[in-house]
Amino acid sequence: MVRLTKDDLYAEDRQSSKGNQLKWKKDGLWYKADYTGYEGLAEYIVSLFLGYSDLKPEEYVTYQTEKIEYQRAEYTGCVSKDFLPKGYKMITLERLYHNETGRSLLKTVYQFEGITDRLKYLTEQIVRLTNLEDFGSYLCKLLTIDAFFLNEDRHFHNIAVLVDDAGRYQLCPIFDQGGALLSDTTMDYPLGKADTLEYMQQVRSKTLCRDFDEQLDVAERLFGQQIRFSFGGKEIEEALRREPYYPEEIKSRVETILRQQRRKYAYLFT
């Protein structure tokens, strides 16, 4: 267990669609407390299985689950290393676009009726502002991860790029998977209230439309398939078995989701 104080507490203006969870920074490490359910487990599982993909290690943030003590209260959550290169800061797509145009990126993108036009406009604008020519491929990776792991909290306030004081941009390592795997047990997906497969039919995306598969199909048509996985049931069981903090009821739900998604998205596997 790690003990954190008010001096370690971090406040930011980048919000989840469900509010802000407690975050701390200490000794080059970032800590996040669970807020609506088992976000820490979701972060750990998604990053672990990205390690079973053809993404490079520097393309995503790795998380571990953690017990946190703060002001005599105990939280379950996760920890990750500070991934910002020296001299760089992170800027969300929403803030980047607003700083340049004075308009909301979300509202502007959703003026387009079709998902293809929304994705084309979004990509063209970010490339124009950053000169990151491979941003489309990067976005396709995000949408693939979100569809597979059912991350319902991917919006323009938590997709970001990196920028230094000279205005040079880099792609940001893929981060913030806490909204994946039906992690919200407080509001939307309470334990014991419905079957996991039923919940899986209810979850909706928030990036370009409400359907994960529709936005992924469009992204793959424009930019090609960007990720391949290579794991099976044995790796799923082992990952959940060695996690020390979360109860078996939650782990059983996560296992069901992963096995079901592996069947559904078989084309993503080598």
C-alpha atoms as a PDB file:
ATOM      1  CA  MET A   1       0.000   0.000   0.000  1.00  0.00           C
ATOM      2  CA  VAL A   2       1.198   3.501  -0.827  1.00  0.00           C
ATOM      3  CA  ARG A   3       0.451   6.435   1.499  1.00  0.00           C
ATOM      4  CA  LEU A   4      -0.298   9.745  -0.196  1.00  0.00           C
ATOM      5  CA  THR A   5      -0.887  13.250   1.171  1.00  0.00           C
ATOM      6  CA  LYS A   6      -2.553  16.486   0.098  1.00  0.00           C
ATOM      7  CA  ASP A   7       0.817  17.635  -1.230  1.00  0.00           C
ATOM      8  CA  ASP A   8       0.651  14.773  -3.757  1.00  0.00           C
ATOM      9  CA  LEU A   9      -2.916  15.529  -4.877  1.00  0.00           C
ATOM     10  CA  TYR A  10      -3.280  16.616  -8.478  1.00  0.00           C
ATOM     11  CA  ALA A  11      -6.088  18.749  -9.883  1.00  0.00           C
ATOM     12  CA  GLU A  12      -6.692  19.020 -13.622  1.00  0.00           C
ATOM     13  CA  ASP A  13      -9.243  20.402 -16.018  1.00  0.00           C
ATOM     14  CA  ARG A  14      -9.382  17.244 -18.149  1.00  0.00           C
ATOM     15  CA  GLN A  15     -12.543  15.454 -17.059  1.00  0.00           C
ATOM     16  CA  SER A  16     -14.075  12.089 -17.477  1.00  0.00           C
ATOM     17  CA  SER A  17     -17.646  12.112 -18.739  1.00  0.00           C
ATOM     18  CA  LYS A  18     -18.593  10.723 -15.317  1.00  0.00           C
ATOM     19  CA  GLY A  19     -16.656  13.228 -13.213  1.00  0.00           C
ATOM     20  CA  ASN A  20     -13.164  13.434 -11.804  1.00  0.00           C
ATOM     21  CA  GLN A  21     -11.496  10.678  -9.816  1.00  0.00           C
ATOM     22  CA  LEU A  22      -8.796  11.375  -7.247  1.00  0.00           C
ATOM     23  CA  LYS A  23      -5.323  11.577  -8.793  1.00  0.00           C
ATOM     24  CA  TRP A  24      -1.898  12.050  -7.238  1.00  0.00           C
ATOM     25  CA  LYS A  25       1.674  12.446  -8.456  1.00  0.00           C
ATOM     26  CA  LYS A  26       4.619  11.357  -6.301  1.00  0.00           C
ATOM     27  CA  ASP A  27       8.229  10.460  -7.134  1.00  0.00           C
ATOM     28  CA  GLY A  28       7.585  10.320 -10.867  1.00  0.00           C
ATOM     29  CA  LEU A  29       4.536   8.057 -10.511  1.00  0.00           C
ATOM     30  CA  TRP A  30       0.859   8.791 -11.145  1.00  0.00           C
ATOM     31  CA  TYR A  31      -1.815   7.262  -8.919  1.00  0.00           C
ATOM     32  CA  LYS A  32      -5.573   7.114  -9.575  1.00  0.00           C
ATOM     33  CA  ALA A  33      -8.243   5.957  -7.147  1.00  0.00           C
ATOM     34  CA  ASP A  34     -11.288   4.014  -8.270  1.00  0.00           C
ATOM     35  CA  TYR A  35     -14.233   6.369  -8.608  1.00  0.00           C
ATOM     36  CA  THR A  36     -17.313   4.535  -9.904  1.00  0.00           C
ATOM     37  CA  GLY A  37     -16.135   0.923  -9.736  1.00  0.00           C
ATOM     38  CA  TYR A  38     -13.003  -0.937 -10.805  1.00  0.00           C
ATOM     39  CA  GLU A  39     -11.252   1.581 -13.060  1.00  0.00           C
ATOM     40  CA  GLY A  40      -7.842   0.513 -11.731  1.00  0.00           C
ATOM     41  CA  LEU A  41      -8.415  -3.084 -12.775  1.00  0.00           C
ATOM     42  CA  ALA A  42      -9.569  -1.923 -16.221  1.00  0.00           C
ATOM     43  CA  GLU A  43      -6.403   0.164 -16.673  1.00  0.00           C
ATOM     44  CA  TYR A  44      -4.232  -2.790 -15.641  1.00  0.00           C
ATOM     45  CA  ILE A  45      -5.981  -5.359 -17.828  1.00  0.00           C
ATOM     46  CA  VAL A  46      -6.119  -3.224 -20.968  1.00  0.00           C
ATOM     47  CA  SER A  47      -2.475  -2.182 -20.761  1.00  0.00           C
ATOM     48  CA  LEU A  48      -1.405  -5.754 -20.000  1.00  0.00           C
ATOM     49  CA  PHE A  49      -3.145  -7.113 -23.097  1.00  0.00           C
ATOM     50  CA  LEU A  50      -1.815  -4.316 -25.264  1.00  0.00           C
ATOM     51  CA  GLY A  51       1.459  -6.031 -24.407  1.00  0.00           C
ATOM     52  CA  TYR A  52       0.077  -9.024 -26.335  1.00  0.00           C
ATOM     53  CA  SER A  53      -0.373  -6.861 -29.430  1.00  0.00           C
ATOM     54  CA  ASP A  54       1.957  -5.564 -32.123  1.00  0.00           C
ATOM     55  CA  LEU A  55       2.011  -2.095 -30.557  1.00  0.00           C
ATOM     56  CA  LYS A  56       5.440  -0.947 -29.450  1.00  0.00           C
ATOM     57  CA  PRO A  57       5.894  -0.551 -25.660  1.00  0.00           C
ATOM     58  CA  GLU A  58       6.345   3.206 -26.020  1.00  0.00           C
ATOM     59  CA  GLU A  59       2.958   3.526 -27.754  1.00  0.00           C
ATOM     60  CA  TYR A  60       0.885   2.962 -24.604  1.00  0.00           C
ATOM     61  CA  VAL A  61       0.996   3.566 -20.862  1.00  0.00           C
ATOM     62  CA  THR A  62       1.391   0.536 -18.596  1.00  0.00           C
ATOM     63  CA  TYR A  63      -0.647   0.416 -15.386  1.00  0.00           C
ATOM     64  CA  GLN A  64      -0.505  -1.746 -12.277  1.00  0.00           C
ATOM     65  CA  THR A  65      -3.217  -2.039  -9.647  1.00  0.00           C
ATOM     66  CA  GLU A  66      -2.462  -0.474  -6.269  1.00  0.00           C
ATOM     67  CA  LYS A  67      -3.869   0.050  -2.770  1.00  0.00           C
ATOM     68  CA  ILE A  68      -3.795   3.712  -1.775  1.00  0.00           C
ATOM     69  CA  GLU A  69      -4.114   5.289   1.662  1.00  0.00           C
ATOM     70  CA  TYR A  70      -5.173   8.939   1.676  1.00  0.00           C
ATOM     71  CA  GLN A  71      -6.423  10.901   4.692  1.00  0.00           C
ATOM     72  CA  ARG A  72      -7.028   7.697   6.685  1.00  0.00           C
ATOM     73  CA  ALA A  73      -9.189   6.236   3.895  1.00  0.00           C
ATOM     74  CA  GLU A  74      -8.168   3.294   1.717  1.00  0.00           C
ATOM     75  CA  TYR A  75      -8.756   3.154  -2.021  1.00  0.00           C
ATOM     76  CA  THR A  76      -8.145   0.585  -4.715  1.00  0.00           C
ATOM     77  CA  GLY A  77      -6.773   2.051  -7.919  1.00  0.00           C
ATOM     78  CA  CYS A  78      -3.761   1.999 -10.198  1.00  0.00           C
ATOM     79  CA  VAL A  79      -0.307   3.441 -10.694  1.00  0.00           C
ATOM     80  CA  SER A  80       1.733   4.298 -13.804  1.00  0.00           C
ATOM     81  CA  LYS A  81       5.000   6.001 -14.617  1.00  0.00           C
ATOM     82  CA  ASP A  82       5.042   9.629 -15.749  1.00  0.00           C
ATOM     83  CA  PHE A  83       5.127   9.263 -19.533  1.00  0.00           C
ATOM     84  CA  LEU A  84       5.720  12.910 -20.506  1.00  0.00           C
ATOM     85  CA  PRO A  85       9.083  13.485 -22.224  1.00  0.00           C
ATOM     86  CA  LYS A  86      11.174  16.257 -20.691  1.00  0.00           C
ATOM     87  CA  GLY A  87      10.009  19.664 -21.909  1.00  0.00           C
ATOM     88  CA  TYR A  88       6.650  18.395 -23.205  1.00  0.00           C
ATOM     89  CA  LYS A  89       3.132  18.861 -21.921  1.00  0.00           C
ATOM     90  CA  MET A  90      -0.097  17.176 -22.875  1.00  0.00           C
ATOM     91  CA  ILE A  91      -2.912  19.026 -24.637  1.00  0.00           C
ATOM     92  CA  THR A  92      -6.296  17.493 -25.396  1.00  0.00           C
ATOM     93  CA  LEU A  93      -7.775  17.642 -28.868  1.00  0.00           C
ATOM     94  CA  GLU A  94     -10.660  19.741 -27.570  1.00  0.00           C
ATOM     95  CA  ARG A  95      -8.349  22.363 -26.065  1.00  0.00           C
ATOM     96  CA  LEU A  96      -5.983  22.315 -29.056  1.00  0.00           C
ATOM     97  CA  TYR A  97      -8.818  22.997 -31.492  1.00  0.00           C
ATOM     98  CA  HIS A  98     -10.466  25.608 -29.268  1.00  0.00           C
ATOM     99  CA  ASN A  99      -7.173  27.485 -28.797  1.00  0.00           C
ATOM    100  CA  GLU A 100      -6.800  27.730 -32.560  1.00  0.00           C
ATOM    101  CA  THR A 101     -10.385  28.388 -33.654  1.00  0.00           C
ATOM    102  CA  GLY A 102     -12.330  29.521 -30.586  1.00  0.00           C
ATOM    103  CA  ARG A 103     -14.865  26.780 -31.321  1.00  0.00           C
ATOM    104  CA  SER A 104     -15.748  23.451 -29.717  1.00  0.00           C
ATOM    105  CA  LEU A 105     -14.247  20.479 -31.543  1.00  0.00           C
ATOM    106  CA  LEU A 106     -17.065  18.226 -30.368  1.00  0.00           C
ATOM    107  CA  LYS A 107     -19.803  20.523 -31.655  1.00  0.00           C
ATOM    108  CA  THR A 108     -17.984  21.126 -34.933  1.00  0.00           C
ATOM    109  CA  VAL A 109     -17.362  17.442 -35.625  1.00  0.00           C
ATOM    110  CA  TYR A 110     -20.968  16.549 -34.879  1.00  0.00           C
ATOM    111  CA  GLN A 111     -22.217  19.092 -37.418  1.00  0.00           C
ATOM    112  CA  PHE A 112     -21.290  16.429 -39.988  1.00  0.00           C
ATOM    113  CA  GLU A 113     -24.033  13.849 -40.348  1.00  0.00           C
ATOM    114  CA  GLY A 114     -21.914  10.879 -41.418  1.00  0.00           C
ATOM    115  CA  ILE A 115     -19.271   9.116 -39.348  1.00  0.00           C
ATOM    116  CA  THR A 116     -16.866   9.067 -42.300  1.00  0.00           C
ATOM    117  CA  ASP A 117     -17.076  12.830 -42.687  1.00  0.00           C
ATOM    118  CA  ARG A 118     -16.659  13.300 -38.943  1.00  0.00           C
ATOM    119  CA  LEU A 119     -13.521  11.169 -38.875  1.00  0.00           C
ATOM    120  CA  LYS A 120     -12.073  12.806 -41.985  1.00  0.00           C
ATOM    121  CA  TYR A 121     -12.629  16.300 -40.602  1.00  0.00           C
ATOM    122  CA  LEU A 122     -11.214  15.410 -37.187  1.00  0.00           C
ATOM    123  CA  THR A 123      -8.088  13.859 -38.697  1.00  0.00           C
ATOM    124  CA  GLU A 124      -7.542  16.657 -41.202  1.00  0.00           C
ATOM    125  CA  GLN A 125      -7.812  19.333 -38.518  1.00  0.00           C
ATOM    126  CA  ILE A 126      -5.412  17.651 -36.091  1.00  0.00           C
ATOM    127  CA  VAL A 127      -2.886  17.019 -38.863  1.00  0.00           C
ATOM    128  CA  ARG A 128      -3.213  20.657 -39.926  1.00  0.00           C
ATOM    129  CA  LEU A 129      -2.605  21.907 -36.386  1.00  0.00           C
ATOM    130  CA  THR A 130       0.199  19.503 -35.422  1.00  0.00           C
ATOM    131  CA  ASN A 131       1.815  18.206 -38.657  1.00  0.00           C
ATOM    132  CA  LEU A 132       1.393  14.682 -37.236  1.00  0.00           C
ATOM    133  CA  GLU A 133       0.763  12.955 -40.543  1.00  0.00           C
ATOM    134  CA  ASP A 134       0.152   9.556 -38.912  1.00  0.00           C
ATOM    135  CA  PHE A 135      -2.570  10.829 -36.598  1.00  0.00           C
ATOM    136  CA  GLY A 136      -5.233   8.928 -38.537  1.00  0.00           C
ATOM    137  CA  SER A 137      -3.484   5.615 -37.923  1.00  0.00           C
ATOM    138  CA  TYR A 138      -3.073   6.562 -34.267  1.00  0.00           C
ATOM    139  CA  LEU A 139      -6.777   7.337 -33.956  1.00  0.00           C
ATOM    140  CA  CYS A 140      -7.650   4.031 -35.601  1.00  0.00           C
ATOM    141  CA  LYS A 141      -5.596   2.255 -32.928  1.00  0.00           C
ATOM    142  CA  LEU A 142      -7.541   4.071 -30.220  1.00  0.00           C
ATOM    143  CA  LEU A 143     -10.884   3.147 -31.749  1.00  0.00           C
ATOM    144  CA  THR A 144      -9.800  -0.491 -32.089  1.00  0.00           C
ATOM    145  CA  ILE A 145      -8.805  -0.647 -28.430  1.00  0.00           C
ATOM    146  CA  ASP A 146     -12.034   1.033 -27.373  1.00  0.00           C
ATOM    147  CA  ALA A 147     -14.196  -1.355 -29.394  1.00  0.00           C
ATOM    148  CA  PHE A 148     -12.414  -4.449 -28.152  1.00  0.00           C
ATOM    149  CA  PHE A 149     -12.257  -3.460 -24.469  1.00  0.00           C
ATOM    150  CA  LEU A 150     -15.546  -1.509 -24.487  1.00  0.00           C
ATOM    151  CA  ASN A 151     -14.032   1.779 -23.337  1.00  0.00           C
ATOM    152  CA  GLU A 152     -17.068   4.042 -23.135  1.00  0.00           C
ATOM    153  CA  ASP A 153     -15.155   7.129 -21.970  1.00  0.00           C
ATOM    154  CA  ARG A 154     -13.128   8.109 -25.049  1.00  0.00           C
ATOM    155  CA  HIS A 155     -13.980  11.672 -26.018  1.00  0.00           C
ATOM    156  CA  PHE A 156     -12.106  14.757 -27.177  1.00  0.00           C
ATOM    157  CA  HIS A 157     -11.202  15.759 -23.627  1.00  0.00           C
ATOM    158  CA  ASN A 158      -9.123  12.600 -23.117  1.00  0.00           C
ATOM    159  CA  ILE A 159      -7.542  12.141 -26.528  1.00  0.00           C
ATOM    160  CA  ALA A 160      -4.371  14.202 -26.493  1.00  0.00           C
ATOM    161  CA  VAL A 161      -1.105  15.040 -28.203  1.00  0.00           C
ATOM    162  CA  LEU A 162       2.188  16.218 -26.715  1.00  0.00           C
ATOM    163  CA  VAL A 163       3.697  19.636 -27.406  1.00  0.00           C
ATOM    164  CA  ASP A 164       6.876  21.407 -26.294  1.00  0.00           C
ATOM    165  CA  ASP A 165       7.558  25.126 -25.802  1.00  0.00           C
ATOM    166  CA  ALA A 166       8.739  25.426 -29.416  1.00  0.00           C
ATOM    167  CA  GLY A 167       5.395  24.156 -30.700  1.00  0.00           C
ATOM    168  CA  ARG A 168       6.682  20.753 -31.794  1.00  0.00           C
ATOM    169  CA  TYR A 169       4.165  17.936 -31.473  1.00  0.00           C
ATOM    170  CA  GLN A 170       4.386  14.217 -30.751  1.00  0.00           C
ATOM    171  CA  LEU A 171       1.755  11.520 -30.565  1.00  0.00           C
ATOM    172  CA  CYS A 172       0.727  10.810 -26.991  1.00  0.00           C
ATOM    173  CA  PRO A 173       1.104   7.290 -25.574  1.00  0.00           C
ATOM    174  CA  ILE A 174      -2.306   5.651 -25.378  1.00  0.00           C
ATOM    175  CA  PHE A 175      -3.699   6.201 -21.888  1.00  0.00           C
ATOM    176  CA  ASP A 176      -6.901   6.379 -19.817  1.00  0.00           C
ATOM    177  CA  GLN A 177      -8.683   3.032 -20.173  1.00  0.00           C
ATOM    178  CA  GLY A 178     -10.516   3.270 -16.845  1.00  0.00           C
ATOM    179  CA  GLY A 179     -13.908   3.406 -18.554  1.00  0.00           C
ATOM    180  CA  ALA A 180     -13.383  -0.010 -20.160  1.00  0.00           C
ATOM    181  CA  LEU A 181     -14.659  -3.485 -19.295  1.00  0.00           C
ATOM    182  CA  LEU A 182     -17.946  -2.287 -17.727  1.00  0.00           C
ATOM    183  CA  SER A 183     -15.959  -0.811 -14.834  1.00  0.00           C
ATOM    184  CA  ASP A 184     -18.776   1.488 -13.647  1.00  0.00           C
ATOM    185  CA  THR A 185     -20.520  -0.584 -10.986  1.00  0.00           C
ATOM    186  CA  THR A 186     -21.987   2.472  -9.230  1.00  0.00           C
ATOM    187  CA  MET A 187     -24.273   3.861 -11.917  1.00  0.00           C
ATOM    188  CA  ASP A 188     -24.465   1.985 -15.204  1.00  0.00           C
ATOM    189  CA  TYR A 189     -23.380  -1.646 -14.663  1.00  0.00           C
ATOM    190  CA  PRO A 190     -23.993  -2.655 -11.021  1.00  0.00           C
ATOM    191  CA  LEU A 191     -22.877  -6.123 -10.045  1.00  0.00           C
ATOM    192  CA  GLY A 192     -25.585  -8.735  -9.728  1.00  0.00           C
ATOM    193  CA  LYS A 193     -28.303  -6.690 -11.430  1.00  0.00           C
ATOM    194  CA  ALA A 194     -28.028  -8.047 -14.964  1.00  0.00           C
ATOM    195  CA  ASP A 195     -26.126 -10.590 -17.014  1.00  0.00           C
ATOM    196  CA  THR A 196     -22.709  -9.457 -18.267  1.00  0.00           C
ATOM    197  CA  LEU A 197     -23.660 -10.139 -21.880  1.00  0.00           C
ATOM    198  CA  GLU A 198     -26.770  -7.997 -21.451  1.00  0.00           C
ATOM    199  CA  TYR A 199     -24.644  -5.117 -20.164  1.00  0.00           C
ATOM    200  CA  MET A 200     -22.298  -5.548 -23.106  1.00  0.00           C
ATOM    201  CA  GLN A 201     -25.191  -4.858 -25.463  1.00  0.00           C
ATOM    202  CA  GLN A 202     -25.958  -1.614 -23.614  1.00  0.00           C
ATOM    203  CA  VAL A 203     -22.498   0.006 -23.564  1.00  0.00           C
ATOM    204  CA  ARG A 204     -22.022   2.890 -26.004  1.00  0.00           C
ATOM    205  CA  SER A 205     -19.052   4.776 -27.420  1.00  0.00           C
ATOM    206  CA  LYS A 206     -18.642   8.545 -27.152  1.00  0.00           C
ATOM    207  CA  THR A 207     -16.058   9.436 -29.806  1.00  0.00           C
ATOM    208  CA  LEU A 208     -17.670   9.732 -33.246  1.00  0.00           C
ATOM    209  CA  CYS A 209     -20.991   7.981 -32.664  1.00  0.00           C
ATOM    210  CA  ARG A 210     -22.631   5.694 -30.124  1.00  0.00           C
ATOM    211  CA  ASP A 211     -21.703   2.432 -31.868  1.00  0.00           C
ATOM    212  CA  PHE A 212     -18.187   1.048 -31.394  1.00  0.00           C
ATOM    213  CA  ASP A 213     -18.318  -1.122 -34.501  1.00  0.00           C
ATOM    214  CA  GLU A 214     -19.579   1.613 -36.826  1.00  0.00           C
ATOM    215  CA  GLN A 215     -16.756   3.988 -35.962  1.00  0.00           C
ATOM    216  CA  LEU A 216     -14.173   1.187 -36.095  1.00  0.00           C
ATOM    217  CA  ASP A 217     -15.402   0.048 -39.528  1.00  0.00           C
ATOM    218  CA  VAL A 218     -15.023   3.595 -40.849  1.00  0.00           C
ATOM    219  CA  ALA A 219     -11.555   3.993 -39.302  1.00  0.00           C
ATOM    220  CA  GLU A 220     -10.341   0.717 -40.790  1.00  0.00           C
ATOM    221  CA  ARG A 221     -11.687   1.638 -44.230  1.00  0.00           C
ATOM    222  CA  LEU A 222      -9.787   4.939 -44.110  1.00  0.00           C
ATOM    223  CA  PHE A 223      -6.575   3.853 -42.387  1.00  0.00           C
ATOM    224  CA  GLY A 224      -6.451   0.063 -42.480  1.00  0.00           C
ATOM    225  CA  GLN A 225      -6.265  -2.412 -39.626  1.00  0.00           C
ATOM    226  CA  GLN A 226      -3.750  -1.063 -37.120  1.00  0.00           C
ATOM    227  CA  ILE A 227      -3.554  -3.663 -34.310  1.00  0.00           C
ATOM    228  CA  ARG A 228      -3.186  -7.418 -34.044  1.00  0.00           C
ATOM    229  CA  PHE A 229      -3.446  -9.356 -30.776  1.00  0.00           C
ATOM    230  CA  SER A 230      -2.010 -12.725 -29.757  1.00  0.00           C
ATOM    231  CA  PHE A 231      -3.496 -14.012 -26.507  1.00  0.00           C
ATOM    232  CA  GLY A 232      -5.986 -16.655 -25.471  1.00  0.00           C
ATOM    233  CA  GLY A 233      -7.856 -18.033 -22.498  1.00  0.00           C
ATOM    234  CA  LYS A 234      -4.697 -19.095 -20.671  1.00  0.00           C
ATOM    235  CA  GLU A 235      -3.318 -15.547 -20.679  1.00  0.00           C
ATOM    236  CA  ILE A 236      -6.671 -14.139 -19.554  1.00  0.00           C
ATOM    237  CA  GLU A 237      -6.883 -16.542 -16.614  1.00  0.00           C
ATOM    238  CA  GLU A 238      -3.291 -15.869 -15.568  1.00  0.00           C
ATOM    239  CA  ALA A 239      -3.660 -12.080 -15.693  1.00  0.00           C
ATOM    240  CA  LEU A 240      -6.710 -12.165 -13.442  1.00  0.00           C
ATOM    241  CA  ARG A 241      -5.292 -14.821 -11.112  1.00  0.00           C
ATOM    242  CA  ARG A 242      -2.185 -12.828 -10.259  1.00  0.00           C
ATOM    243  CA  GLU A 243      -4.013  -9.526  -9.635  1.00  0.00           C
ATOM    244  CA  PRO A 244      -4.105  -9.209  -5.804  1.00  0.00           C
ATOM    245  CA  TYR A 245      -6.810  -6.680  -4.905  1.00  0.00           C
ATOM    246  CA  TYR A 246     -10.106  -7.134  -6.748  1.00  0.00           C
ATOM    247  CA  PRO A 247     -12.790  -9.682  -5.795  1.00  0.00           C
ATOM    248  CA  GLU A 248     -13.612 -12.758  -7.829  1.00  0.00           C
ATOM    249  CA  GLU A 249     -17.066 -11.465  -8.807  1.00  0.00           C
ATOM    250  CA  ILE A 250     -15.456  -8.575 -10.680  1.00  0.00           C
ATOM    251  CA  LYS A 251     -12.725 -10.755 -12.185  1.00  0.00           C
ATOM    252  CA  SER A 252     -15.340 -13.212 -13.440  1.00  0.00           C
ATOM    253  CA  ARG A 253     -17.151 -10.393 -15.238  1.00  0.00           C
ATOM    254  CA  VAL A 254     -13.904  -9.180 -16.830  1.00  0.00           C
ATOM    255  CA  GLU A 255     -13.019 -12.700 -17.955  1.00  0.00           C
ATOM    256  CA  THR A 256     -16.432 -13.098 -19.590  1.00  0.00           C
ATOM    257  CA  ILE A 257     -15.992  -9.810 -21.453  1.00  0.00           C
ATOM    258  CA  LEU A 258     -12.506 -10.663 -22.719  1.00  0.00           C
ATOM    259  CA  ARG A 259     -13.490 -14.147 -23.900  1.00  0.00           C
ATOM    260  CA  GLN A 260     -16.596 -12.816 -25.648  1.00  0.00           C
ATOM    261  CA  GLN A 261     -14.702  -9.992 -27.348  1.00  0.00           C
ATOM    262  CA  ARG A 262     -11.954 -12.355 -28.450  1.00  0.00           C
ATOM    263  CA  ARG A 263     -14.595 -14.429 -30.254  1.00  0.00           C
ATOM    264  CA  LYS A 264     -16.315 -11.386 -31.732  1.00  0.00           C
ATOM    265  CA  TYR A 265     -13.108  -9.756 -33.006  1.00  0.00           C
ATOM    266  CA  ALA A 266     -11.335 -12.919 -34.112  1.00  0.00           C
ATOM    267  CA  TYR A 267      -9.990 -11.103 -37.186  1.00  0.00           C
ATOM    268  CA  LEU A 268      -7.784  -8.975 -34.907  1.00  0.00           C
ATOM    269  CA  PHE A 269      -5.865 -12.048 -33.723  1.00  0.00           C
ATOM    270  CA  THR A 270      -2.857 -13.717 -35.259  1.00  0.00           C
END
